[in-house]
């Protein structure tokens, strides 16, 4: 099946379903399945300690898929790796036939000329309509709208994905993707109906066969609901939505005491802790980025291959939109 939108047109893909940035999980062995299934996978640069490791990952991705994929570059306080290193990463992307760069966080203007020169599309993860329109004017080829429901770093305005995406789709000419609250064909159909050209999905795909998160992490997601996420890191102006596990509760307690960024990083929110947690299965050992869409993934039978989930999303969206047409009569 193919779904034709502005997004699929500019990237030459079949399905407007994009893998979320998913820090510590967005690696080639996982991301390649999205591209091979007709959507687009995403590699996250923060998974790699140095440009050399990242170059190996790009080479691995190009072995695993010949189809388009994105690289996520976060310009956030707890993730940025410095301008010089980011330029090195982008040079590697340019040489490695990466289809596009998704920037999140601070203004990526200084990096955009390199991307344009290399023919890489620029996707900007925007928190609101004002930022989205500004980034389109500056040359972004597509916009990801990360609403309040999204895992990781949501809009701090407290506004849901579908409100912002609806507005942005009406004021931007470039493709707009809805991120947050989407886990099935209903969400895809709704996003397309309000004018978005696609969706970015992370939380749903944690519960897939290929996801490198531990069995315990997948089980925790399945056993909890949309009420079991919490917003942390407000005190350091880097708000993040995570599962409400013991690490999240500790983070909130520390923030309430006035703990600074350095101590938080050394104690509980360090990426090194998250990486270790996904490997050793200690769900409470680190913060665990999850969106409110986790409430839509509750059945152990939902743990399927990535391609199967994507195909179900597409076929269900088609059926839903076709059925909606039957509601209208002359």
Protein backbone atom coordinates (compact mmCIF):
# COMPACT_ATOMS: atom_id res chain seq x y z
CA UNK A 1 0.00 0.00 0.00
CA UNK A 2 1.05 3.57 -0.70
CA UNK A 3 -0.22 6.84 0.74
CA UNK A 4 0.59 9.91 -1.31
CA UNK A 5 1.19 13.15 0.62
CA UNK A 6 3.57 16.11 0.43
CA UNK A 7 5.85 14.25 2.82
CA UNK A 8 6.01 11.04 0.79
CA UNK A 9 6.60 13.10 -2.35
CA UNK A 10 9.62 15.05 -1.09
CA UNK A 11 11.33 11.99 0.40
CA UNK A 12 10.24 9.38 -2.16
CA UNK A 13 8.71 7.03 0.41
CA UNK A 14 5.52 4.97 0.39
CA UNK A 15 4.06 5.60 3.84
CA UNK A 16 3.94 8.89 5.79
CA UNK A 17 5.01 7.17 9.01
CA UNK A 18 8.30 8.31 10.52
CA UNK A 19 10.12 6.78 13.47
CA UNK A 20 10.59 9.15 16.40
CA UNK A 21 14.03 10.18 17.65
CA UNK A 22 13.90 7.69 20.55
CA UNK A 23 17.19 8.40 22.29
CA UNK A 24 19.33 5.28 22.91
CA UNK A 25 16.92 3.20 20.80
CA UNK A 26 17.22 4.91 17.40
CA UNK A 27 20.06 2.79 16.03
CA UNK A 28 20.45 1.17 12.59
CA UNK A 29 19.35 -2.33 13.61
CA UNK A 30 15.99 -0.82 14.60
CA UNK A 31 15.64 2.22 12.33
CA UNK A 32 16.30 0.30 9.12
CA UNK A 33 13.05 -1.64 9.56
CA UNK A 34 11.01 1.56 9.23
CA UNK A 35 12.69 2.53 5.98
CA UNK A 36 12.45 -0.97 4.56
CA UNK A 37 8.73 -1.05 5.39
CA UNK A 38 8.11 2.07 3.31
CA UNK A 39 8.30 4.82 5.92
CA UNK A 40 11.45 6.39 7.31
CA UNK A 41 13.69 5.33 10.15
CA UNK A 42 15.65 7.75 12.29
CA UNK A 43 19.13 7.49 13.76
CA UNK A 44 19.78 9.66 16.82
CA UNK A 45 23.28 11.16 17.04
CA UNK A 46 23.15 11.16 20.84
CA UNK A 47 23.44 7.37 20.74
CA UNK A 48 27.11 7.77 19.79
CA UNK A 49 30.04 9.02 21.83
CA UNK A 50 32.10 10.37 18.96
CA UNK A 51 32.01 11.05 15.20
CA UNK A 52 33.87 7.83 14.50
CA UNK A 53 31.18 5.73 16.17
CA UNK A 54 28.52 7.69 14.33
CA UNK A 55 30.26 7.13 10.99
CA UNK A 56 30.18 3.40 11.68
CA UNK A 57 26.45 3.66 12.38
CA UNK A 58 25.81 5.44 9.07
CA UNK A 59 27.78 2.76 7.25
CA UNK A 60 25.74 0.07 9.03
CA UNK A 61 22.47 1.80 8.15
CA UNK A 62 23.46 1.98 4.50
CA UNK A 63 24.16 -1.75 4.58
CA UNK A 64 20.75 -2.49 6.12
CA UNK A 65 18.63 -0.29 3.86
CA UNK A 66 18.90 1.44 0.51
CA UNK A 67 15.86 3.58 1.27
CA UNK A 68 15.64 7.12 2.76
CA UNK A 69 16.17 7.77 6.45
CA UNK A 70 16.62 10.69 8.83
CA UNK A 71 19.22 11.64 11.42
CA UNK A 72 17.99 13.40 14.56
CA UNK A 73 20.24 16.17 15.91
CA UNK A 74 19.15 17.56 19.28
CA UNK A 75 20.27 21.04 20.25
CA UNK A 76 19.01 20.68 23.81
CA UNK A 77 20.84 21.49 27.08
CA UNK A 78 21.21 17.86 28.16
CA UNK A 79 21.98 16.47 24.70
CA UNK A 80 23.90 18.97 22.59
CA UNK A 81 27.46 17.95 21.76
CA UNK A 82 28.88 21.33 20.74
CA UNK A 83 28.83 23.05 17.36
CA UNK A 84 32.16 21.67 16.17
CA UNK A 85 31.13 18.08 16.81
CA UNK A 86 27.72 18.61 15.22
CA UNK A 87 29.37 19.94 12.07
CA UNK A 88 31.44 16.73 11.99
CA UNK A 89 28.29 14.64 12.33
CA UNK A 90 26.63 16.57 9.51
CA UNK A 91 29.67 16.09 7.28
CA UNK A 92 29.36 12.36 7.86
CA UNK A 93 25.67 12.53 6.98
CA UNK A 94 26.42 14.45 3.81
CA UNK A 95 28.87 11.79 2.68
CA UNK A 96 26.57 8.96 3.74
CA UNK A 97 23.49 9.72 1.57
CA UNK A 98 21.32 10.66 4.55
CA UNK A 99 17.96 11.89 3.22
CA UNK A 100 17.29 14.48 5.88
CA UNK A 101 18.25 15.98 9.23
CA UNK A 102 15.66 16.50 11.94
CA UNK A 103 16.75 19.34 14.23
CA UNK A 104 15.23 19.73 17.68
CA UNK A 105 15.77 22.39 20.31
CA UNK A 106 17.76 25.56 19.66
CA UNK A 107 17.82 27.44 16.34
CA UNK A 108 19.76 25.31 13.80
CA UNK A 109 20.42 28.21 11.39
CA UNK A 110 24.22 27.86 11.44
CA UNK A 111 23.94 24.23 10.34
CA UNK A 112 21.33 24.64 7.62
CA UNK A 113 23.61 25.83 4.76
CA UNK A 114 25.70 22.66 5.02
CA UNK A 115 22.55 20.53 4.85
CA UNK A 116 21.22 22.45 1.86
CA UNK A 117 24.54 22.24 0.01
CA UNK A 118 24.63 18.47 0.55
CA UNK A 119 21.06 18.02 -0.69
CA UNK A 120 19.78 16.85 2.69
CA UNK A 121 16.23 17.86 3.58
CA UNK A 122 15.81 19.87 6.77
CA UNK A 123 13.07 18.83 9.19
CA UNK A 124 12.50 21.03 12.21
CA UNK A 125 10.80 19.76 15.36
CA UNK A 126 8.73 22.79 16.34
CA UNK A 127 6.77 23.38 19.57
CA UNK A 128 4.28 25.90 18.21
CA UNK A 129 2.96 27.66 15.11
CA UNK A 130 5.18 30.73 15.45
CA UNK A 131 8.39 28.68 15.49
CA UNK A 132 7.14 26.42 12.70
CA UNK A 133 6.39 29.32 10.33
CA UNK A 134 9.70 30.98 11.18
CA UNK A 135 11.64 27.81 10.40
CA UNK A 136 9.79 27.37 7.11
CA UNK A 137 10.82 30.90 6.12
CA UNK A 138 14.43 30.06 7.04
CA UNK A 139 14.41 27.05 4.73
CA UNK A 140 13.01 24.05 6.59
CA UNK A 141 11.65 21.48 4.12
CA UNK A 142 9.26 19.90 6.62
CA UNK A 143 7.99 20.54 10.14
CA UNK A 144 7.42 18.06 12.96
CA UNK A 145 4.90 19.32 15.51
CA UNK A 146 5.64 17.93 18.96
CA UNK A 147 2.58 18.55 21.10
CA UNK A 148 2.01 18.16 24.81
CA UNK A 149 1.40 14.39 24.60
CA UNK A 150 4.74 13.53 23.02
CA UNK A 151 7.48 11.46 24.65
CA UNK A 152 10.70 13.28 25.38
CA UNK A 153 10.57 17.04 24.98
CA UNK A 154 7.01 18.31 24.36
CA UNK A 155 5.62 21.75 23.69
CA UNK A 156 5.96 23.75 26.90
CA UNK A 157 2.80 25.66 25.98
CA UNK A 158 0.68 22.77 27.23
CA UNK A 159 -1.19 22.48 23.91
CA UNK A 160 -2.00 19.15 22.31
CA UNK A 161 -0.49 17.88 19.08
CA UNK A 162 -3.63 17.99 16.97
CA UNK A 163 -4.44 21.61 17.82
CA UNK A 164 -0.94 22.81 16.90
CA UNK A 165 -0.60 20.54 13.85
CA UNK A 166 -3.98 21.68 12.56
CA UNK A 167 -2.95 25.33 12.82
CA UNK A 168 0.52 24.80 11.37
CA UNK A 169 -0.83 22.79 8.42
CA UNK A 170 -3.03 25.77 7.57
CA UNK A 171 -0.22 28.35 7.60
CA UNK A 172 2.76 26.38 6.25
CA UNK A 173 3.19 25.21 2.67
CA UNK A 174 5.78 22.57 3.55
CA UNK A 175 4.82 19.10 4.82
CA UNK A 176 3.74 19.01 8.46
CA UNK A 177 4.03 15.90 10.63
CA UNK A 178 2.08 15.29 13.84
CA UNK A 179 4.09 13.84 16.74
CA UNK A 180 2.44 12.89 20.02
CA UNK A 181 -0.67 10.87 20.75
CA UNK A 182 -0.45 8.73 17.61
CA UNK A 183 -0.23 4.96 17.97
CA UNK A 184 -2.55 3.45 15.36
CA UNK A 185 -4.48 3.94 12.14
CA UNK A 186 -7.01 6.17 13.88
CA UNK A 187 -4.26 8.61 14.80
CA UNK A 188 -2.82 8.54 11.28
CA UNK A 189 -6.25 9.11 9.74
CA UNK A 190 -6.94 11.99 12.14
CA UNK A 191 -3.60 13.63 11.36
CA UNK A 192 -4.20 13.40 7.61
CA UNK A 193 -7.76 14.71 8.02
CA UNK A 194 -6.59 17.87 9.78
CA UNK A 195 -4.07 18.62 7.04
CA UNK A 196 -0.85 16.99 8.24
CA UNK A 197 1.23 15.12 5.67
CA UNK A 198 2.32 12.38 8.04
CA UNK A 199 3.02 11.29 11.59
CA UNK A 200 6.10 10.78 13.75
CA UNK A 201 5.66 7.85 16.13
CA UNK A 202 7.94 6.67 18.93
CA UNK A 203 6.13 5.25 21.96
CA UNK A 204 4.06 2.75 19.96
CA UNK A 205 7.20 1.28 18.42
CA UNK A 206 8.87 0.60 21.76
CA UNK A 207 6.48 -2.36 21.90
CA UNK A 208 7.80 -4.02 18.74
CA UNK A 209 9.87 -7.10 18.17
CA UNK A 210 12.89 -5.22 16.80
CA UNK A 211 13.06 -2.42 19.39
CA UNK A 212 16.32 -2.73 21.40
CA UNK A 213 14.58 -1.78 24.68
CA UNK A 214 14.57 -4.64 27.18
CA UNK A 215 11.64 -7.00 27.69
CA UNK A 216 11.04 -5.31 31.07
CA UNK A 217 10.67 -1.91 29.40
CA UNK A 218 8.16 -3.27 26.91
CA UNK A 219 6.21 -4.99 29.68
CA UNK A 220 6.17 -1.78 31.78
CA UNK A 221 4.67 0.11 28.83
CA UNK A 222 2.00 -2.55 28.26
CA UNK A 223 1.03 -2.65 31.94
CA UNK A 224 0.59 1.11 32.36
CA UNK A 225 -1.81 3.67 30.95
CA UNK A 226 -1.89 7.18 29.52
CA UNK A 227 -2.05 8.41 33.13
CA UNK A 228 1.37 6.97 33.93
CA UNK A 229 3.61 9.60 32.37
CA UNK A 230 4.99 12.65 34.12
CA UNK A 231 6.75 15.89 33.17
CA UNK A 232 10.21 16.33 34.66
CA UNK A 233 13.14 18.76 34.25
CA UNK A 234 10.92 21.83 34.45
CA UNK A 235 13.34 23.49 36.88
CA UNK A 236 16.18 23.35 34.34
CA UNK A 237 13.94 24.63 31.52
CA UNK A 238 14.23 21.39 29.58
CA UNK A 239 10.85 19.80 30.24
CA UNK A 240 10.60 16.11 29.40
CA UNK A 241 7.74 13.60 29.38
CA UNK A 242 8.72 10.20 30.77
CA UNK A 243 7.15 7.15 32.30
CA UNK A 244 6.37 7.71 35.98
CA UNK A 245 8.85 5.16 37.32
CA UNK A 246 11.05 5.42 40.42
CA UNK A 247 13.73 7.41 38.58
CA UNK A 248 11.14 9.97 37.48
CA UNK A 249 9.79 10.28 41.02
CA UNK A 250 13.34 10.82 42.34
CA UNK A 251 13.95 13.48 39.70
CA UNK A 252 10.83 15.36 40.79
CA UNK A 253 11.90 15.16 44.45
CA UNK A 254 15.36 16.50 43.60
CA UNK A 255 13.94 19.32 41.52
CA UNK A 256 11.62 20.28 44.37
CA UNK A 257 14.74 20.63 46.57
CA UNK A 258 16.35 22.97 44.03
CA UNK A 259 18.91 20.51 42.62
CA UNK A 260 20.91 21.96 39.71
CA UNK A 261 21.50 20.47 36.26
CA UNK A 262 24.94 19.06 37.06
CA UNK A 263 23.71 17.10 40.07
CA UNK A 264 20.66 15.85 38.18
CA UNK A 265 22.88 14.62 35.35
CA UNK A 266 25.26 12.89 37.75
CA UNK A 267 22.46 11.29 39.75
CA UNK A 268 19.47 10.34 37.63
CA UNK A 269 18.94 11.91 34.18
CA UNK A 270 22.26 11.07 32.56
CA UNK A 271 22.01 9.42 29.16
CA UNK A 272 24.53 6.82 30.33
CA UNK A 273 22.01 5.63 32.93
CA UNK A 274 19.27 5.38 30.29
CA UNK A 275 21.48 3.42 27.92
CA UNK A 276 22.44 0.97 30.68
CA UNK A 277 18.82 0.64 31.79
CA UNK A 278 17.62 -0.37 28.32
CA UNK A 279 20.31 -3.05 28.25
CA UNK A 280 20.08 -4.51 31.76
CA UNK A 281 16.28 -4.27 32.05
CA UNK A 282 16.24 -2.17 35.22
CA UNK A 283 13.25 0.03 34.32
CA UNK A 284 13.54 2.05 37.54
CA UNK A 285 17.27 2.62 37.02
CA UNK A 286 16.76 5.61 34.76
CA UNK A 287 14.18 7.95 33.28
CA UNK A 288 12.25 6.31 30.44
CA UNK A 289 10.85 8.57 27.70
CA UNK A 290 7.24 7.64 26.95
CA UNK A 291 4.31 9.59 25.55
CA UNK A 292 0.66 9.49 26.52
CA UNK A 293 0.01 7.24 23.51
CA UNK A 294 1.24 4.40 25.73
CA UNK A 295 -2.37 4.16 26.90
CA UNK A 296 -3.25 2.84 23.44
CA UNK A 297 -0.78 -0.05 23.65
CA UNK A 298 -1.91 -2.50 26.33
CA UNK A 299 -2.05 -5.98 24.83
CA UNK A 300 1.02 -8.30 24.78
CA UNK A 301 -0.09 -9.22 21.27
CA UNK A 302 0.74 -5.64 20.27
CA UNK A 303 4.44 -6.57 20.36
CA UNK A 304 4.76 -7.21 16.63
CA UNK A 305 7.34 -6.55 13.92
CA UNK A 306 7.72 -2.91 12.89
CA UNK A 307 6.56 -3.59 9.34
CA UNK A 308 3.37 -5.27 10.55
CA UNK A 309 2.49 -2.33 12.81
CA UNK A 310 3.12 0.16 10.01
CA UNK A 311 1.05 -1.78 7.49
CA UNK A 312 -1.80 -2.07 10.00
CA UNK A 313 -1.67 1.68 10.64
CA UNK A 314 -1.88 2.41 6.92
CA UNK A 315 -4.64 -0.07 6.12
CA UNK A 316 -6.69 0.92 9.16
CA UNK A 317 -6.36 4.61 8.27
CA UNK A 318 -7.59 3.86 4.75
CA UNK A 319 -10.64 1.96 6.06
CA UNK A 320 -11.46 4.74 8.54
CA UNK A 321 -11.29 7.48 5.94
CA UNK A 322 -13.35 5.43 3.49
CA UNK A 323 -15.97 4.75 6.16
CA UNK A 324 -16.17 8.44 7.01
CA UNK A 325 -17.15 9.16 3.42
CA UNK A 326 -20.28 7.05 3.90
CA UNK A 327 -21.51 9.42 6.63
CA UNK A 328 -22.16 12.20 4.16
CA UNK A 329 -25.32 12.27 2.05
CA UNK A 330 -26.82 14.82 -0.30
